C-alpha atoms as a PDB file:
ATOM      1  CA  UNK A   1     109.713  85.738  96.242  1.00  0.00           C
ATOM      2  CA  UNK A   2     111.186  88.777  98.987  1.00  0.00           C
ATOM      3  CA  UNK A   3     108.361  91.378  99.447  1.00  0.00           C
ATOM      4  CA  UNK A   4     108.818  95.089 100.851  1.00  0.00           C
ATOM      5  CA  UNK A   5     105.844  96.921 102.540  1.00  0.00           C
ATOM      6  CA  UNK A   6     106.042 100.578 102.006  1.00  0.00           C
ATOM      7  CA  UNK A   7     104.514 103.416 103.666  1.00  0.00           C
ATOM      8  CA  UNK A   8     104.428 107.003 103.135  1.00  0.00           C
ATOM      9  CA  UNK A   9     103.824 109.034 106.214  1.00  0.00           C
ATOM     10  CA  UNK A  10     103.253 112.092 108.024  1.00  0.00           C
ATOM     11  CA  UNK A  11     101.981 112.424 111.591  1.00  0.00           C
ATOM     12  CA  UNK A  12     100.158 109.081 111.732  1.00  0.00           C
ATOM     13  CA  UNK A  13     100.850 108.216 115.717  1.00  0.00           C
ATOM     14  CA  UNK A  14      97.275 107.128 116.139  1.00  0.00           C
ATOM     15  CA  UNK A  15      97.689 104.409 113.535  1.00  0.00           C
ATOM     16  CA  UNK A  16     101.244 104.102 112.280  1.00  0.00           C
ATOM     17  CA  UNK A  17     101.853 100.639 114.844  1.00  0.00           C
ATOM     18  CA  UNK A  18      98.792  98.941 113.937  1.00  0.00           C
ATOM     19  CA  UNK A  19      99.255  99.134 109.992  1.00  0.00           C
ATOM     20  CA  UNK A  20     103.008  98.118 110.761  1.00  0.00           C
ATOM     21  CA  UNK A  21     101.882  95.237 112.975  1.00  0.00           C
ATOM     22  CA  UNK A  22      99.230  94.478 109.409  1.00  0.00           C
ATOM     23  CA  UNK A  23     102.442  93.985 107.233  1.00  0.00           C
ATOM     24  CA  UNK A  24     104.579  92.435 109.296  1.00  0.00           C
ATOM     25  CA  UNK A  25     105.210  88.999 107.632  1.00  0.00           C
ATOM     26  CA  UNK A  26     106.947  91.494 104.826  1.00  0.00           C
ATOM     27  CA  UNK A  27     110.565  90.706 104.300  1.00  0.00           C
ATOM     28  CA  UNK A  28     111.648  94.487 104.971  1.00  0.00           C
ATOM     29  CA  UNK A  29     109.150  97.526 106.208  1.00  0.00           C
ATOM     30  CA  UNK A  30     109.911 100.722 104.822  1.00  0.00           C
ATOM     31  CA  UNK A  31     108.698 103.950 106.385  1.00  0.00           C
ATOM     32  CA  UNK A  32     109.290 107.393 104.247  1.00  0.00           C
ATOM     33  CA  UNK A  33     107.978 109.695 106.782  1.00  0.00           C
ATOM     34  CA  UNK A  34     107.576 113.859 105.374  1.00  0.00           C
ATOM     35  CA  UNK A  35     109.084 115.156 108.719  1.00  0.00           C
ATOM     36  CA  UNK A  36     106.210 114.125 111.200  1.00  0.00           C
ATOM     37  CA  UNK A  37     105.827 116.392 114.665  1.00  0.00           C
ATOM     38  CA  UNK A  38     104.246 114.080 116.524  1.00  0.00           C
ATOM     39  CA  UNK A  39     105.741 110.362 117.310  1.00  0.00           C
ATOM     40  CA  UNK A  40     105.210 108.431 114.036  1.00  0.00           C
ATOM     41  CA  UNK A  41     108.917 108.106 113.882  1.00  0.00           C
ATOM     42  CA  UNK A  42     109.565 107.142 117.007  1.00  0.00           C
ATOM     43  CA  UNK A  43     107.242 104.242 117.422  1.00  0.00           C
ATOM     44  CA  UNK A  44     108.489 103.311 113.697  1.00  0.00           C
ATOM     45  CA  UNK A  45     111.970 102.838 114.656  1.00  0.00           C
ATOM     46  CA  UNK A  46     110.905 100.893 117.853  1.00  0.00           C
ATOM     47  CA  UNK A  47     109.065  98.060 115.717  1.00  0.00           C
ATOM     48  CA  UNK A  48     110.571  94.850 114.343  1.00  0.00           C
ATOM     49  CA  UNK A  49     112.380  95.054 110.880  1.00  0.00           C
ATOM     50  CA  UNK A  50     111.251  98.402 110.252  1.00  0.00           C
ATOM     51  CA  UNK A  51     113.555 101.184 108.048  1.00  0.00           C
ATOM     52  CA  UNK A  52     112.734 105.003 108.574  1.00  0.00           C
ATOM     53  CA  UNK A  53     113.634 107.354 106.086  1.00  0.00           C
ATOM     54  CA  UNK A  54     112.909 111.548 106.344  1.00  0.00           C
ATOM     55  CA  UNK A  55     111.826 113.447 103.478  1.00  0.00           C
ATOM     56  CA  UNK A  56     110.342 116.028 102.395  1.00  0.00           C
ATOM     57  CA  UNK A  57     107.417 115.795 100.587  1.00  0.00           C
ATOM     58  CA  UNK A  58     106.893 117.544  97.384  1.00  0.00           C
ATOM     59  CA  UNK A  59     104.091 115.464  96.155  1.00  0.00           C
ATOM     60  CA  UNK A  60     103.075 111.956  96.233  1.00  0.00           C
ATOM     61  CA  UNK A  61     103.728 110.600  93.302  1.00  0.00           C
ATOM     62  CA  UNK A  62     107.244 111.918  93.990  1.00  0.00           C
ATOM     63  CA  UNK A  63     107.134 110.052  97.765  1.00  0.00           C
ATOM     64  CA  UNK A  64     105.860 106.993  96.066  1.00  0.00           C
ATOM     65  CA  UNK A  65     108.921 106.950  93.640  1.00  0.00           C
ATOM     66  CA  UNK A  66     111.600 107.697  96.237  1.00  0.00           C
ATOM     67  CA  UNK A  67     109.759 104.539  98.009  1.00  0.00           C
ATOM     68  CA  UNK A  68     110.035 102.366  95.374  1.00  0.00           C
ATOM     69  CA  UNK A  69     113.762 103.411  94.541  1.00  0.00           C
ATOM     70  CA  UNK A  70     114.502 102.307  98.489  1.00  0.00           C
ATOM     71  CA  UNK A  71     112.934  98.411  98.106  1.00  0.00           C
ATOM     72  CA  UNK A  72     115.190  95.609  97.583  1.00  0.00           C
ATOM     73  CA  UNK A  73     112.370  93.182  97.577  1.00  0.00           C
ATOM     74  CA  UNK A  74     111.235  91.444  94.116  1.00  0.00           C
ATOM     75  CA  UNK A  75     107.397  92.580  94.879  1.00  0.00           C
ATOM     76  CA  UNK A  76     106.494  96.075  96.791  1.00  0.00           C
ATOM     77  CA  UNK A  77     103.506  96.472  98.804  1.00  0.00           C
ATOM     78  CA  UNK A  78     102.116  99.945  99.613  1.00  0.00           C
ATOM     79  CA  UNK A  79     100.428 100.674 102.755  1.00  0.00           C
ATOM     80  CA  UNK A  80      98.385 103.689 103.653  1.00  0.00           C
ATOM     81  CA  UNK A  81      99.072 104.432 107.420  1.00  0.00           C
ATOM     82  CA  UNK A  82      95.219 104.408 107.924  1.00  0.00           C
ATOM     83  CA  UNK A  83      95.152 100.981 106.047  1.00  0.00           C
ATOM     84  CA  UNK A  84      94.882  97.447 107.446  1.00  0.00           C
ATOM     85  CA  UNK A  85      95.946  93.692 106.388  1.00  0.00           C
ATOM     86  CA  UNK A  86      93.797  91.471 107.465  1.00  0.00           C
ATOM     87  CA  UNK A  87      94.794  87.641 107.970  1.00  0.00           C
ATOM     88  CA  UNK A  88      92.918  86.636 104.761  1.00  0.00           C
ATOM     89  CA  UNK A  89      94.478  89.674 102.406  1.00  0.00           C
ATOM     90  CA  UNK A  90      97.864  88.710 104.144  1.00  0.00           C
ATOM     91  CA  UNK A  91      97.368  84.792 102.544  1.00  0.00           C
ATOM     92  CA  UNK A  92      95.909  86.122  99.314  1.00  0.00           C
ATOM     93  CA  UNK A  93      98.701  88.522  99.114  1.00  0.00           C
ATOM     94  CA  UNK A  94     100.931  85.872  99.856  1.00  0.00           C
ATOM     95  CA  UNK A  95      99.740  83.224  97.292  1.00  0.00           C
ATOM     96  CA  UNK A  96      99.735  85.770  94.260  1.00  0.00           C
ATOM     97  CA  UNK A  97     103.165  86.559  94.936  1.00  0.00           C
ATOM     98  CA  UNK A  98     104.236  83.207  95.126  1.00  0.00           C
ATOM     99  CA  UNK A  99     102.313  82.168  91.606  1.00  0.00           C
ATOM    100  CA  UNK A 100     101.934  85.332  90.054  1.00  0.00           C
ATOM    101  CA  UNK A 101     100.475  83.958  87.202  1.00  0.00           C
ATOM    102  CA  UNK A 102     101.760  86.801  84.607  1.00  0.00           C
ATOM    103  CA  UNK A 103     100.169  89.482  86.670  1.00  0.00           C
ATOM    104  CA  UNK A 104     102.316  92.812  87.250  1.00  0.00           C
ATOM    105  CA  UNK A 105     100.221  94.765  90.029  1.00  0.00           C
ATOM    106  CA  UNK A 106      96.969  94.075  92.044  1.00  0.00           C
ATOM    107  CA  UNK A 107      94.294  96.264  92.967  1.00  0.00           C
ATOM    108  CA  UNK A 108      92.724  96.395  96.242  1.00  0.00           C
ATOM    109  CA  UNK A 109      89.286  96.673  97.217  1.00  0.00           C
ATOM    110  CA  UNK A 110      89.096  98.700 100.125  1.00  0.00           C
ATOM    111  CA  UNK A 111      85.832  98.944 103.058  1.00  0.00           C
ATOM    112  CA  UNK A 112      85.610 102.595 103.765  1.00  0.00           C
ATOM    113  CA  UNK A 113      85.343 103.977 107.548  1.00  0.00           C
ATOM    114  CA  UNK A 114      84.391 107.380 108.378  1.00  0.00           C
ATOM    115  CA  UNK A 115      84.534 107.712 112.473  1.00  0.00           C
ATOM    116  CA  UNK A 116      84.959 103.965 112.679  1.00  0.00           C
ATOM    117  CA  UNK A 117      81.337 103.785 110.893  1.00  0.00           C
ATOM    118  CA  UNK A 118      81.137 101.542 107.686  1.00  0.00           C
ATOM    119  CA  UNK A 119      80.254 103.517 104.609  1.00  0.00           C
ATOM    120  CA  UNK A 120      78.293 101.615 101.950  1.00  0.00           C
ATOM    121  CA  UNK A 121      78.074 104.160  99.410  1.00  0.00           C
ATOM    122  CA  UNK A 122      78.340 107.906  99.289  1.00  0.00           C
ATOM    123  CA  UNK A 123      80.838 106.368  95.867  1.00  0.00           C
ATOM    124  CA  UNK A 124      82.975 104.648  97.911  1.00  0.00           C
ATOM    125  CA  UNK A 125      80.795 101.410  97.055  1.00  0.00           C
ATOM    126  CA  UNK A 126      83.264 101.053  94.267  1.00  0.00           C
ATOM    127  CA  UNK A 127      86.370 101.807  95.861  1.00  0.00           C
ATOM    128  CA  UNK A 128      89.535  99.975  94.464  1.00  0.00           C
ATOM    129  CA  UNK A 129      93.457 101.296  94.861  1.00  0.00           C
ATOM    130  CA  UNK A 130      95.906  99.763  93.170  1.00  0.00           C
ATOM    131  CA  UNK A 131      98.590  98.462  96.376  1.00  0.00           C
ATOM    132  CA  UNK A 132     101.091  95.664  95.409  1.00  0.00           C
ATOM    133  CA  UNK A 133     103.585  95.677  92.626  1.00  0.00           C
ATOM    134  CA  UNK A 134     106.490  93.052  91.185  1.00  0.00           C
ATOM    135  CA  UNK A 135     109.275  95.355  91.219  1.00  0.00           C
ATOM    136  CA  UNK A 136     110.204  96.973  88.631  1.00  0.00           C
ATOM    137  CA  UNK A 137     107.049  97.231  86.465  1.00  0.00           C
ATOM    138  CA  UNK A 138     105.782 100.618  88.104  1.00  0.00           C
ATOM    139  CA  UNK A 139     106.328 104.001  88.573  1.00  0.00           C
ATOM    140  CA  UNK A 140     104.210 106.785  89.150  1.00  0.00           C
ATOM    141  CA  UNK A 141     102.959 109.008  86.829  1.00  0.00           C
ATOM    142  CA  UNK A 142     105.409 112.074  87.684  1.00  0.00           C
ATOM    143  CA  UNK A 143     102.345 115.033  86.688  1.00  0.00           C
ATOM    144  CA  UNK A 144     100.142 113.430  88.931  1.00  0.00           C
ATOM    145  CA  UNK A 145     100.609 115.204  92.230  1.00  0.00           C
ATOM    146  CA  UNK A 146      97.503 113.889  93.834  1.00  0.00           C
ATOM    147  CA  UNK A 147      95.568 110.788  93.596  1.00  0.00           C
ATOM    148  CA  UNK A 148      98.528 109.407  92.305  1.00  0.00           C
ATOM    149  CA  UNK A 149      98.866 107.069  89.396  1.00  0.00           C
ATOM    150  CA  UNK A 150     100.425 104.072  88.303  1.00  0.00           C
ATOM    151  CA  UNK A 151     102.304 103.471  85.667  1.00  0.00           C
ATOM    152  CA  UNK A 152     102.204  99.965  85.022  1.00  0.00           C
ATOM    153  CA  UNK A 153     104.096  97.415  82.722  1.00  0.00           C
ATOM    154  CA  UNK A 154     102.691  93.839  82.631  1.00  0.00           C
ATOM    155  CA  UNK A 155      99.145  92.761  83.338  1.00  0.00           C
ATOM    156  CA  UNK A 156      96.775  93.789  86.289  1.00  0.00           C
ATOM    157  CA  UNK A 157      94.799  91.634  88.420  1.00  0.00           C
ATOM    158  CA  UNK A 158      92.179  92.408  91.142  1.00  0.00           C
ATOM    159  CA  UNK A 159      92.192  90.396  95.614  1.00  0.00           C
ATOM    160  CA  UNK A 160      89.217  89.100  95.957  1.00  0.00           C
ATOM    161  CA  UNK A 161      89.807  89.980 100.000  1.00  0.00           C
ATOM    162  CA  UNK A 162      88.753  93.325 101.182  1.00  0.00           C
ATOM    163  CA  UNK A 163      91.182  95.990 102.700  1.00  0.00           C
ATOM    164  CA  UNK A 164      89.521  98.130 106.078  1.00  0.00           C
ATOM    165  CA  UNK A 165      90.314 102.167 105.105  1.00  0.00           C
ATOM    166  CA  UNK A 166      89.812 103.613 108.727  1.00  0.00           C
ATOM    167  CA  UNK A 167      90.467 107.456 106.786  1.00  0.00           C
ATOM    168  CA  UNK A 168      89.420 109.717 109.072  1.00  0.00           C
ATOM    169  CA  UNK A 169      88.072 110.360 112.745  1.00  0.00           C
ATOM    170  CA  UNK A 170      86.333 113.516 112.376  1.00  0.00           C
ATOM    171  CA  UNK A 171      84.432 116.661 110.066  1.00  0.00           C
ATOM    172  CA  UNK A 172      87.627 118.311 110.460  1.00  0.00           C
ATOM    173  CA  UNK A 173      89.828 116.160 109.624  1.00  0.00           C
ATOM    174  CA  UNK A 174      88.152 115.268 106.484  1.00  0.00           C
ATOM    175  CA  UNK A 175      88.126 118.724 105.730  1.00  0.00           C
ATOM    176  CA  UNK A 176      92.065 119.369 105.809  1.00  0.00           C
ATOM    177  CA  UNK A 177      92.642 116.702 103.981  1.00  0.00           C
ATOM    178  CA  UNK A 178      90.007 117.356 101.600  1.00  0.00           C
ATOM    179  CA  UNK A 179      91.923 121.174 101.354  1.00  0.00           C
ATOM    180  CA  UNK A 180      95.395 119.086 100.725  1.00  0.00           C
ATOM    181  CA  UNK A 181      94.400 117.556  98.134  1.00  0.00           C
ATOM    182  CA  UNK A 182      92.320 119.843  96.515  1.00  0.00           C
ATOM    183  CA  UNK A 183      95.285 122.306  96.628  1.00  0.00           C
ATOM    184  CA  UNK A 184      97.914 119.810  94.962  1.00  0.00           C
ATOM    185  CA  UNK A 185      95.139 119.342  92.188  1.00  0.00           C
ATOM    186  CA  UNK A 186      95.270 123.292  92.125  1.00  0.00           C
ATOM    187  CA  UNK A 187      98.728 123.199  91.468  1.00  0.00           C
ATOM    188  CA  UNK A 188      98.680 120.020  88.608  1.00  0.00           C
ATOM    189  CA  UNK A 189      95.830 122.260  86.598  1.00  0.00           C
ATOM    190  CA  UNK A 190      97.983 125.416  87.463  1.00  0.00           C
ATOM    191  CA  UNK A 191     100.801 123.268  85.971  1.00  0.00           C
ATOM    192  CA  UNK A 192      98.367 122.625  82.545  1.00  0.00           C
ATOM    193  CA  UNK A 193      97.403 126.015  81.706  1.00  0.00           C
ATOM    194  CA  UNK A 194      94.128 126.112  83.115  1.00  0.00           C
ATOM    195  CA  UNK A 195      92.166 128.731  83.653  1.00  0.00           C
ATOM    196  CA  UNK A 196      88.422 128.640  85.846  1.00  0.00           C
ATOM    197  CA  UNK A 197      84.970 129.684  85.152  1.00  0.00           C
ATOM    198  CA  UNK A 198      81.876 130.556  86.652  1.00  0.00           C
ATOM    199  CA  UNK A 199      80.840 126.738  85.646  1.00  0.00           C
ATOM    200  CA  UNK A 200      83.937 125.377  88.153  1.00  0.00           C
ATOM    201  CA  UNK A 201      83.096 127.301  91.082  1.00  0.00           C
ATOM    202  CA  UNK A 202      78.908 126.580  90.790  1.00  0.00           C
ATOM    203  CA  UNK A 203      78.156 123.300  88.463  1.00  0.00           C
ATOM    204  CA  UNK A 204      81.382 121.155  89.292  1.00  0.00           C
ATOM    205  CA  UNK A 205      80.657 120.787  92.902  1.00  0.00           C
ATOM    206  CA  UNK A 206      76.629 120.447  92.401  1.00  0.00           C
ATOM    207  CA  UNK A 207      77.603 117.405  90.373  1.00  0.00           C
ATOM    208  CA  UNK A 208      79.748 116.046  92.780  1.00  0.00           C
ATOM    209  CA  UNK A 209      77.522 116.046  95.414  1.00  0.00           C
ATOM    210  CA  UNK A 210      74.537 114.981  93.624  1.00  0.00           C
ATOM    211  CA  UNK A 211      76.196 112.107  91.833  1.00  0.00           C
ATOM    212  CA  UNK A 212      77.263 110.806  95.325  1.00  0.00           C
ATOM    213  CA  UNK A 213      74.479 111.135  97.327  1.00  0.00           C
ATOM    214  CA  UNK A 214      71.794 110.712  94.709  1.00  0.00           C
ATOM    215  CA  UNK A 215      72.644 108.782  92.488  1.00  0.00           C
ATOM    216  CA  UNK A 216      75.307 106.675  94.560  1.00  0.00           C
ATOM    217  CA  UNK A 217      73.200 106.486  97.517  1.00  0.00           C
ATOM    218  CA  UNK A 218      75.192 108.722  99.623  1.00  0.00           C
ATOM    219  CA  UNK A 219      71.604 109.459 101.554  1.00  0.00           C
ATOM    220  CA  UNK A 220      71.508 105.692 102.413  1.00  0.00           C
ATOM    221  CA  UNK A 221      74.797 105.881 104.756  1.00  0.00           C
ATOM    222  CA  UNK A 222      72.919 108.872 107.200  1.00  0.00           C
ATOM    223  CA  UNK A 223      74.331 111.442 108.754  1.00  0.00           C
ATOM    224  CA  UNK A 224      77.490 110.408 107.562  1.00  0.00           C
ATOM    225  CA  UNK A 225      76.865 110.447 104.323  1.00  0.00           C
ATOM    226  CA  UNK A 226      75.143 113.584 103.826  1.00  0.00           C
ATOM    227  CA  UNK A 227      79.158 115.093 105.015  1.00  0.00           C
ATOM    228  CA  UNK A 228      81.120 113.420 102.883  1.00  0.00           C
ATOM    229  CA  UNK A 229      79.594 114.215  99.937  1.00  0.00           C
ATOM    230  CA  UNK A 230      79.347 117.825 100.971  1.00  0.00           C
ATOM    231  CA  UNK A 231      82.864 117.761 102.012  1.00  0.00           C
ATOM    232  CA  UNK A 232      83.896 116.586  98.884  1.00  0.00           C
ATOM    233  CA  UNK A 233      81.794 119.189  96.666  1.00  0.00           C
ATOM    234  CA  UNK A 234      83.222 121.315  98.459  1.00  0.00           C
ATOM    235  CA  UNK A 235      86.774 120.074  97.956  1.00  0.00           C
ATOM    236  CA  UNK A 236      85.513 120.450  94.361  1.00  0.00           C
ATOM    237  CA  UNK A 237      84.664 124.637  94.962  1.00  0.00           C
ATOM    238  CA  UNK A 238      88.057 124.595  96.796  1.00  0.00           C
ATOM    239  CA  UNK A 239      90.027 122.874  94.239  1.00  0.00           C
ATOM    240  CA  UNK A 240      89.333 126.021  91.836  1.00  0.00           C
ATOM    241  CA  UNK A 241      89.292 128.397  94.823  1.00  0.00           C
ATOM    242  CA  UNK A 242      92.969 127.555  95.063  1.00  0.00           C
ATOM    243  CA  UNK A 243      93.554 127.254  90.872  1.00  0.00           C
ATOM    244  CA  UNK A 244      91.825 130.894  90.393  1.00  0.00           C
ATOM    245  CA  UNK A 245      94.108 132.079  93.709  1.00  0.00           C
ATOM    246  CA  UNK A 246      97.491 131.001  91.378  1.00  0.00           C
ATOM    247  CA  UNK A 247      96.572 132.562  88.483  1.00  0.00           C
ATOM    248  CA  UNK A 248      96.031 135.651  89.867  1.00  0.00           C
ATOM    249  CA  UNK A 249      99.570 135.571  91.111  1.00  0.00           C
ATOM    250  CA  UNK A 250     100.499 135.245  87.565  1.00  0.00           C
ATOM    251  CA  UNK A 251     103.070 138.428  86.916  1.00  0.00           C
ATOM    252  CA  UNK A 252     100.693 140.606  84.471  1.00  0.00           C
END
């Protein structure tokens, strides 16, 4: 079974080599880069059997669907630059695609790291994501601009081994990513005709914080847990701020 590893990148020079090294067992590695301004492309092109394609970024679903179209393998493995495939996970992947048992897509359990510290709670204790697909069985839903969702034709499975996710190295980096995702989500809501109210600016962020910090035990993650839960609540507020701006920009 041929395996294609696919990466979507923008300014990932700190992570890209380690990410690609962790999927070197794939038959081909394709990097779809959104015109990085750092050394992401240079580093990628100097690694073994890596194909780099530069393409303007519109949204995550669109970029992932484009990457799927470039792949020649029978199986597709998506990995973000800040994720790593461990040896145990690699072996499980190879076994799963050799003996798929009528499974078209597999979810991975992720271990979240913030500032290189493992986060056990704060809503991340149940973090799973689709990463492995049989070719021809998946397409990402076009109107999901952020937190993209695959539409899968067939049965799904969950791999036992975990995938480390070295997501953010600083508070400001996480804040910028939160704002980027919130802006895309605001656009998604705007295209669906959604409006804002006081409820969205007060109760929705408060509910997000209480859920992650109290109910999902973010308090046990210490200072990092508080910062993460606060920023995720801030992201909800920022989403509706951007949505309100989009609605105000509509021609009267």
